[in-house]
Amino acid sequence: SGKHGATHLAVSADGRGTERPCWD
């Protein structure tokens, strides 16, 4: 009902390098 879509054309650099404890 509320239009606020987006088109992603490339991987986003925003927040690049974010670490989360899942990789082990």
PDB file of all heavy atoms in Angstrom:
ATOM      1  N   SER A   1       0.819  -1.211   0.000  1.00  0.00           N
ATOM      2  CA  SER A   1       0.000   0.000   0.000  1.00  0.00           C
ATOM      3  C   SER A   1       0.853   1.261   0.000  1.00  0.00           C
ATOM      4  O   SER A   1       0.479   2.277  -0.572  1.00  0.00           O
ATOM      5  CB  SER A   1      -0.936  -0.009   1.210  1.00  0.00           C
ATOM      6  OG  SER A   1      -0.198  -0.118   2.414  1.00  0.00           O
ATOM      7  N   GLY A   2       2.003   1.236   0.677  1.00  0.00           N
ATOM      8  CA  GLY A   2       2.893   2.391   0.710  1.00  0.00           C
ATOM      9  C   GLY A   2       4.115   2.126  -0.144  1.00  0.00           C
ATOM     10  O   GLY A   2       4.897   1.228   0.144  1.00  0.00           O
ATOM     11  N   LYS A   3       4.320   2.898  -1.201  1.00  0.00           N
ATOM     12  CA  LYS A   3       5.411   2.642  -2.133  1.00  0.00           C
ATOM     13  C   LYS A   3       6.699   3.318  -1.659  1.00  0.00           C
ATOM     14  O   LYS A   3       6.779   4.533  -1.560  1.00  0.00           O
ATOM     15  CB  LYS A   3       5.052   3.162  -3.534  1.00  0.00           C
ATOM     16  CG  LYS A   3       3.782   2.547  -4.106  1.00  0.00           C
ATOM     17  CD  LYS A   3       3.925   1.036  -4.282  1.00  0.00           C
ATOM     18  CE  LYS A   3       2.660   0.441  -4.877  1.00  0.00           C
ATOM     19  NZ  LYS A   3       2.727  -1.029  -4.931  1.00  0.00           N
ATOM     20  N   HIS A   4       7.656   2.500  -1.316  1.00  0.00           N
ATOM     21  CA  HIS A   4       8.980   3.048  -1.016  1.00  0.00           C
ATOM     22  C   HIS A   4      10.031   2.008  -1.375  1.00  0.00           C
ATOM     23  O   HIS A   4      10.933   1.711  -0.622  1.00  0.00           O
ATOM     24  CB  HIS A   4       9.094   3.438   0.458  1.00  0.00           C
ATOM     25  CG  HIS A   4       8.806   2.334   1.429  1.00  0.00           C
ATOM     26  ND1 HIS A   4       7.543   1.983   1.774  1.00  0.00           N
ATOM     27  CD2 HIS A   4       9.626   1.494   2.100  1.00  0.00           C
ATOM     28  CE1 HIS A   4       7.585   0.977   2.640  1.00  0.00           C
ATOM     29  NE2 HIS A   4       8.839   0.662   2.846  1.00  0.00           N
ATOM     30  N   GLY A   5       9.902   1.454  -2.556  1.00  0.00           N
ATOM     31  CA  GLY A   5      10.801   0.404  -3.010  1.00  0.00           C
ATOM     32  C   GLY A   5      12.156   0.936  -3.412  1.00  0.00           C
ATOM     33  O   GLY A   5      12.432   2.140  -3.349  1.00  0.00           O
ATOM     34  N   ALA A   6      13.012   0.005  -3.825  1.00  0.00           N
ATOM     35  CA  ALA A   6      14.363   0.369  -4.234  1.00  0.00           C
ATOM     36  C   ALA A   6      14.852  -0.632  -5.266  1.00  0.00           C
ATOM     37  O   ALA A   6      14.400  -1.785  -5.295  1.00  0.00           O
ATOM     38  CB  ALA A   6      15.302   0.377  -3.038  1.00  0.00           C
ATOM     39  N   THR A   7      15.757  -0.183  -6.116  1.00  0.00           N
ATOM     40  CA  THR A   7      16.413  -1.060  -7.069  1.00  0.00           C
ATOM     41  C   THR A   7      17.898  -1.116  -6.728  1.00  0.00           C
ATOM     42  O   THR A   7      18.565  -0.083  -6.700  1.00  0.00           O
ATOM     43  CB  THR A   7      16.232  -0.553  -8.512  1.00  0.00           C
ATOM     44  OG1 THR A   7      14.833  -0.541  -8.835  1.00  0.00           O
ATOM     45  CG2 THR A   7      16.957  -1.449  -9.487  1.00  0.00           C
ATOM     46  N   HIS A   8      18.383  -2.286  -6.403  1.00  0.00           N
ATOM     47  CA  HIS A   8      19.786  -2.473  -6.064  1.00  0.00           C
ATOM     48  C   HIS A   8      20.552  -2.911  -7.306  1.00  0.00           C
ATOM     49  O   HIS A   8      20.216  -3.925  -7.922  1.00  0.00           O
ATOM     50  CB  HIS A   8      19.928  -3.525  -4.969  1.00  0.00           C
ATOM     51  CG  HIS A   8      19.227  -3.175  -3.695  1.00  0.00           C
ATOM     52  ND1 HIS A   8      18.834  -4.120  -2.764  1.00  0.00           N
ATOM     53  CD2 HIS A   8      18.829  -1.977  -3.196  1.00  0.00           C
ATOM     54  CE1 HIS A   8      18.242  -3.525  -1.756  1.00  0.00           C
ATOM     55  NE2 HIS A   8      18.224  -2.222  -1.988  1.00  0.00           N
ATOM     56  N   LEU A   9      21.574  -2.152  -7.665  1.00  0.00           N
ATOM     57  CA  LEU A   9      22.351  -2.427  -8.869  1.00  0.00           C
ATOM     58  C   LEU A   9      23.723  -3.020  -8.566  1.00  0.00           C
ATOM     59  O   LEU A   9      24.392  -3.515  -9.478  1.00  0.00           O
ATOM     60  CB  LEU A   9      22.528  -1.138  -9.670  1.00  0.00           C
ATOM     61  CG  LEU A   9      21.232  -0.465 -10.140  1.00  0.00           C
ATOM     62  CD1 LEU A   9      21.546   0.859 -10.836  1.00  0.00           C
ATOM     63  CD2 LEU A   9      20.447  -1.393 -11.055  1.00  0.00           C
ATOM     64  N   ALA A  10      24.126  -2.951  -7.294  1.00  0.00           N
ATOM     65  CA  ALA A  10      25.439  -3.460  -6.911  1.00  0.00           C
ATOM     66  C   ALA A  10      25.418  -3.774  -5.426  1.00  0.00           C
ATOM     67  O   ALA A  10      24.554  -3.288  -4.682  1.00  0.00           O
ATOM     68  CB  ALA A  10      26.531  -2.435  -7.214  1.00  0.00           C
ATOM     69  N   VAL A  11      26.369  -4.575  -4.985  1.00  0.00           N
ATOM     70  CA  VAL A  11      26.475  -4.849  -3.561  1.00  0.00           C
ATOM     71  C   VAL A  11      26.755  -3.543  -2.834  1.00  0.00           C
ATOM     72  O   VAL A  11      27.540  -2.703  -3.292  1.00  0.00           O
ATOM     73  CB  VAL A  11      27.580  -5.902  -3.298  1.00  0.00           C
ATOM     74  CG1 VAL A  11      28.938  -5.406  -3.745  1.00  0.00           C
ATOM     75  CG2 VAL A  11      27.608  -6.301  -1.838  1.00  0.00           C
ATOM     76  N   SER A  12      26.082  -3.325  -1.713  1.00  0.00           N
ATOM     77  CA  SER A  12      26.202  -2.062  -0.992  1.00  0.00           C
ATOM     78  C   SER A  12      27.472  -2.017  -0.156  1.00  0.00           C
ATOM     79  O   SER A  12      27.804  -2.977   0.550  1.00  0.00           O
ATOM     80  CB  SER A  12      24.990  -1.856  -0.078  1.00  0.00           C
ATOM     81  OG  SER A  12      25.159  -0.704   0.729  1.00  0.00           O
ATOM     82  N   ALA A  13      28.173  -0.871  -0.210  1.00  0.00           N
ATOM     83  CA  ALA A  13      29.370  -0.674   0.613  1.00  0.00           C
ATOM     84  C   ALA A  13      29.026  -0.148   1.998  1.00  0.00           C
ATOM     85  O   ALA A  13      29.910  -0.076   2.869  1.00  0.00           O
ATOM     86  CB  ALA A  13      30.331   0.289  -0.079  1.00  0.00           C
ATOM     87  N   ASP A  14      27.770   0.214   2.222  1.00  0.00           N
ATOM     88  CA  ASP A  14      27.336   0.734   3.516  1.00  0.00           C
ATOM     89  C   ASP A  14      27.516  -0.345   4.589  1.00  0.00           C
ATOM     90  O   ASP A  14      26.963  -1.432   4.476  1.00  0.00           O
ATOM     91  CB  ASP A  14      25.868   1.153   3.431  1.00  0.00           C
ATOM     92  CG  ASP A  14      25.362   1.799   4.707  1.00  0.00           C
ATOM     93  OD1 ASP A  14      26.165   2.069   5.624  1.00  0.00           O
ATOM     94  OD2 ASP A  14      24.137   2.028   4.801  1.00  0.00           O
ATOM     95  N   GLY A  15      28.300  -0.045   5.610  1.00  0.00           N
ATOM     96  CA  GLY A  15      28.528  -0.993   6.697  1.00  0.00           C
ATOM     97  C   GLY A  15      29.501  -2.102   6.353  1.00  0.00           C
ATOM     98  O   GLY A  15      29.564  -3.117   7.073  1.00  0.00           O
ATOM     99  N   ARG A  16      30.260  -1.933   5.300  1.00  0.00           N
ATOM    100  CA  ARG A  16      31.185  -2.988   4.882  1.00  0.00           C
ATOM    101  C   ARG A  16      32.165  -3.319   6.010  1.00  0.00           C
ATOM    102  O   ARG A  16      32.720  -2.435   6.663  1.00  0.00           O
ATOM    103  CB  ARG A  16      31.960  -2.566   3.642  1.00  0.00           C
ATOM    104  CG  ARG A  16      32.769  -3.702   3.031  1.00  0.00           C
ATOM    105  CD  ARG A  16      33.454  -3.286   1.755  1.00  0.00           C
ATOM    106  NE  ARG A  16      33.983  -4.446   1.041  1.00  0.00           N
ATOM    107  CZ  ARG A  16      34.672  -4.383  -0.096  1.00  0.00           C
ATOM    108  NH1 ARG A  16      34.905  -3.197  -0.652  1.00  0.00           N
ATOM    109  NH2 ARG A  16      35.108  -5.486  -0.682  1.00  0.00           N
ATOM    110  N   GLY A  17      32.386  -4.600   6.219  1.00  0.00           N
ATOM    111  CA  GLY A  17      33.277  -5.045   7.283  1.00  0.00           C
ATOM    112  C   GLY A  17      32.571  -5.340   8.589  1.00  0.00           C
ATOM    113  O   GLY A  17      33.232  -5.671   9.585  1.00  0.00           O
ATOM    114  N   THR A  18      31.240  -5.244   8.623  1.00  0.00           N
ATOM    115  CA  THR A  18      30.492  -5.548   9.843  1.00  0.00           C
ATOM    116  C   THR A  18      30.832  -6.954  10.324  1.00  0.00           C
ATOM    117  O   THR A  18      30.796  -7.918   9.560  1.00  0.00           O
ATOM    118  CB  THR A  18      28.977  -5.438   9.602  1.00  0.00           C
ATOM    119  OG1 THR A  18      28.642  -4.082   9.297  1.00  0.00           O
ATOM    120  CG2 THR A  18      28.196  -5.882  10.828  1.00  0.00           C
ATOM    121  N   GLU A  19      31.168  -7.055  11.598  1.00  0.00           N
ATOM    122  CA  GLU A  19      31.520  -8.348  12.184  1.00  0.00           C
ATOM    123  C   GLU A  19      30.358  -8.877  13.017  1.00  0.00           C
ATOM    124  O   GLU A  19      29.760  -8.140  13.803  1.00  0.00           O
ATOM    125  CB  GLU A  19      32.767  -8.211  13.067  1.00  0.00           C
ATOM    126  CG  GLU A  19      34.023  -7.846  12.291  1.00  0.00           C
ATOM    127  CD  GLU A  19      35.247  -7.739  13.180  1.00  0.00           C
ATOM    128  OE1 GLU A  19      35.085  -7.437  14.382  1.00  0.00           O
ATOM    129  OE2 GLU A  19      36.374  -7.950  12.680  1.00  0.00           O
ATOM    130  N   ARG A  20      30.064 -10.130  12.840  1.00  0.00           N
ATOM    131  CA  ARG A  20      29.048 -10.811  13.650  1.00  0.00           C
ATOM    132  C   ARG A  20      29.577 -12.199  14.018  1.00  0.00           C
ATOM    133  O   ARG A  20      30.313 -12.810  13.241  1.00  0.00           O
ATOM    134  CB  ARG A  20      27.726 -10.913  12.897  1.00  0.00           C
ATOM    135  CG  ARG A  20      27.052  -9.567  12.686  1.00  0.00           C
ATOM    136  CD  ARG A  20      25.674  -9.724  12.047  1.00  0.00           C
ATOM    137  NE  ARG A  20      25.057  -8.449  11.780  1.00  0.00           N
ATOM    138  CZ  ARG A  20      24.308  -7.756  12.630  1.00  0.00           C
ATOM    139  NH1 ARG A  20      24.089  -8.247  13.843  1.00  0.00           N
ATOM    140  NH2 ARG A  20      23.769  -6.605  12.298  1.00  0.00           N
ATOM    141  N   PRO A  21      29.180 -12.707  15.183  1.00  0.00           N
ATOM    142  CA  PRO A  21      29.797 -13.944  15.692  1.00  0.00           C
ATOM    143  C   PRO A  21      29.168 -15.209  15.137  1.00  0.00           C
ATOM    144  O   PRO A  21      28.576 -16.004  15.865  1.00  0.00           O
ATOM    145  CB  PRO A  21      29.562 -13.832  17.199  1.00  0.00           C
ATOM    146  CG  PRO A  21      28.250 -13.105  17.304  1.00  0.00           C
ATOM    147  CD  PRO A  21      28.257 -12.109  16.180  1.00  0.00           C
ATOM    148  N   CYS A  22      29.307 -15.426  13.835  1.00  0.00           N
ATOM    149  CA  CYS A  22      28.719 -16.632  13.250  1.00  0.00           C
ATOM    150  C   CYS A  22      29.715 -17.458  12.462  1.00  0.00           C
ATOM    151  O   CYS A  22      29.400 -18.586  12.056  1.00  0.00           O
ATOM    152  CB  CYS A  22      27.555 -16.261  12.330  1.00  0.00           C
ATOM    153  SG  CYS A  22      28.024 -15.251  10.895  1.00  0.00           S
ATOM    154  N   TRP A  23      30.910 -16.950  12.246  1.00  0.00           N
ATOM    155  CA  TRP A  23      31.772 -17.541  11.223  1.00  0.00           C
ATOM    156  C   TRP A  23      32.479 -18.805  11.681  1.00  0.00           C
ATOM    157  O   TRP A  23      32.737 -19.701  10.875  1.00  0.00           O
ATOM    158  CB  TRP A  23      32.721 -16.480  10.681  1.00  0.00           C
ATOM    159  CG  TRP A  23      31.915 -15.394  10.046  1.00  0.00           C
ATOM    160  CD1 TRP A  23      31.589 -14.173  10.584  1.00  0.00           C
ATOM    161  CD2 TRP A  23      31.210 -15.469   8.804  1.00  0.00           C
ATOM    162  NE1 TRP A  23      30.756 -13.483   9.738  1.00  0.00           N
ATOM    163  CE2 TRP A  23      30.499 -14.255   8.634  1.00  0.00           C
ATOM    164  CE3 TRP A  23      31.111 -16.442   7.805  1.00  0.00           C
ATOM    165  CZ2 TRP A  23      29.711 -13.984   7.518  1.00  0.00           C
ATOM    166  CZ3 TRP A  23      30.331 -16.179   6.686  1.00  0.00           C
ATOM    167  CH2 TRP A  23      29.645 -14.962   6.558  1.00  0.00           C
ATOM    168  N   ASP A  24      32.811 -18.934  12.961  1.00  0.00           N
ATOM    169  CA  ASP A  24      33.343 -20.207  13.431  1.00  0.00           C
ATOM    170  C   ASP A  24      32.266 -21.284  13.390  1.00  0.00           C
ATOM    171  O   ASP A  24      32.554 -22.454  13.096  1.00  0.00           O
ATOM    172  CB  ASP A  24      33.911 -20.080  14.848  1.00  0.00           C
ATOM    173  CG  ASP A  24      35.430 -20.092  14.859  1.00  0.00           C
ATOM    174  OD1 ASP A  24      36.021 -20.750  13.984  1.00  0.00           O
ATOM    175  OD2 ASP A  24      36.032 -19.455  15.741  1.00  0.00           O
TER     176      ASP A  24
END
